[in-house]
Every structure is written in structure tokens, then in C-alpha cells.
Amino acid sequence: MNKKEMAKLYQKMSSKKISIMEAKEEIEEFLETVKEAIALDGEVRFPKRGAFEILTRQPRLVANPITKEQMKIYPKKTVRFRASKKMK
């Protein structure tokens, strides 16, 4: 589902009449708020839905498949969503 489809669904589910552009803006505001909360706290939980967490991936060595040269992939942070048991 892309953002436009999500905005259409949000528009249908909304109790008041809103345009697709307003729906997109509200979705964008929500996503920005979640991003800021994850950056501040490292985790955002939604009861009975799931949680967004920051994971730190460890550095590792990999080989270039063509030249067989060893390369180091540096550590990085990724965001993971873990669904609750009730969502599954």
C-alpha cells in the first residue's frame, strides 16, 4: 500500500469530510511525529498493535562477489516494527 492508497482509506474511514490532500498531510504529520518520538526515546509502543524499535546492526565483513575483495560494512541503525500477539 502506498501513501495515496493509504490516504484514500483514511478519507473513507474519517468521521468528517476531508480531501485526499488533507488526508496525506495528516498521515505525513503522524509519521513525522513517530520519527521524532523514536529518535528521542528509541521506541514507540501502540497498545494492542505493536512497537517501533531502533536496532543497531553490528559491523561485518563481506566479500565482493566479482573481485573477492573483503569489505567492511559499518554499523548502522534501523527501525523495526514488531506486531503484538493480538495483531497476529
Protein backbone atom coordinates (compact mmCIF):
# COMPACT_ATOMS: atom_id res chain seq x y z
CA MET A 1 0.00 0.00 0.00
CA ASN A 2 1.44 3.35 -0.99
CA LYS A 3 0.73 6.72 0.60
CA LYS A 4 -2.02 7.65 -1.89
CA GLU A 5 -3.93 4.42 -1.26
CA MET A 6 -3.49 4.93 2.47
CA ALA A 7 -4.86 8.48 2.16
CA LYS A 8 -7.93 7.19 0.28
CA LEU A 9 -8.57 4.60 3.00
CA TYR A 10 -8.10 7.24 5.71
CA GLN A 11 -10.51 9.53 3.86
CA LYS A 12 -13.19 6.81 3.79
CA MET A 13 -12.70 5.94 7.47
CA SER A 14 -12.67 9.55 8.65
CA SER A 15 -15.75 10.79 10.51
CA LYS A 16 -15.56 14.20 8.82
CA LYS A 17 -15.30 15.03 5.12
CA ILE A 18 -11.67 15.65 4.16
CA SER A 19 -9.87 15.80 0.85
CA ILE A 20 -7.14 13.40 -0.19
CA MET A 21 -4.56 16.19 0.16
CA GLU A 22 -5.66 16.83 3.77
CA ALA A 23 -5.52 13.10 4.46
CA LYS A 24 -1.97 12.92 3.05
CA GLU A 25 -0.92 15.88 5.21
CA GLU A 26 -2.35 14.27 8.36
CA ILE A 27 -0.63 10.98 7.57
CA GLU A 28 2.66 12.82 6.97
CA GLU A 29 2.31 14.67 10.30
CA PHE A 30 1.69 11.38 12.10
CA LEU A 31 4.73 9.75 10.50
CA GLU A 32 6.94 12.74 11.37
CA THR A 33 5.72 12.59 14.97
CA VAL A 34 6.54 8.88 15.17
CA LYS A 35 10.01 9.52 13.69
CA GLU A 36 10.74 12.22 16.27
CA ALA A 37 9.48 10.04 19.13
CA ILE A 38 11.65 7.12 18.01
CA ALA A 39 14.67 9.41 17.77
CA LEU A 40 14.09 10.74 21.30
CA ASP A 41 13.13 7.57 23.15
CA GLY A 42 14.35 4.74 20.92
CA GLU A 43 10.97 3.03 20.99
CA VAL A 44 7.30 3.82 20.34
CA ARG A 45 4.61 1.42 21.53
CA PHE A 46 1.00 1.25 20.38
CA PRO A 47 -1.09 -0.84 22.81
CA LYS A 48 -2.65 -3.91 21.17
CA ARG A 49 -0.95 -3.00 17.87
CA GLY A 50 2.84 -3.26 18.17
CA ALA A 51 6.04 -1.32 18.67
CA PHE A 52 8.61 0.52 16.58
CA GLU A 53 12.17 -0.01 17.83
CA ILE A 54 15.65 1.13 16.84
CA LEU A 55 18.09 -1.70 16.27
CA THR A 56 21.84 -1.24 15.94
CA ARG A 57 23.29 -3.60 13.37
CA GLN A 58 26.77 -4.91 14.07
CA PRO A 59 29.71 -4.31 11.71
CA ARG A 60 30.58 -7.26 9.49
CA LEU A 61 32.93 -8.36 6.75
CA VAL A 62 31.59 -9.31 3.32
CA ALA A 63 33.24 -10.30 0.04
CA ASN A 64 32.64 -8.60 -3.28
CA PRO A 65 31.26 -11.44 -5.46
CA ILE A 66 33.22 -10.37 -8.56
CA THR A 67 36.64 -9.37 -7.19
CA LYS A 68 36.51 -11.44 -3.96
CA GLU A 69 37.81 -8.36 -2.14
CA GLN A 70 36.96 -8.19 1.55
CA MET A 71 34.88 -5.15 2.52
CA LYS A 72 33.71 -3.94 5.91
CA ILE A 73 30.10 -2.90 6.35
CA TYR A 74 29.92 -0.34 9.12
CA PRO A 75 27.36 -0.47 11.93
CA LYS A 76 24.07 1.28 11.30
CA LYS A 77 20.74 1.86 12.96
CA THR A 78 17.48 0.56 11.52
CA VAL A 79 13.86 0.81 12.58
CA ARG A 80 11.88 -2.38 13.14
CA PHE A 81 8.15 -2.82 13.72
CA ARG A 82 7.19 -5.70 15.94
CA ALA A 83 3.49 -6.61 15.83
CA SER A 84 1.76 -7.55 19.09
CA LYS A 85 0.38 -11.00 19.66
CA LYS A 86 -3.17 -9.68 19.30
CA MET A 87 -2.40 -8.35 15.79
CA LYS A 88 -1.07 -11.72 14.67
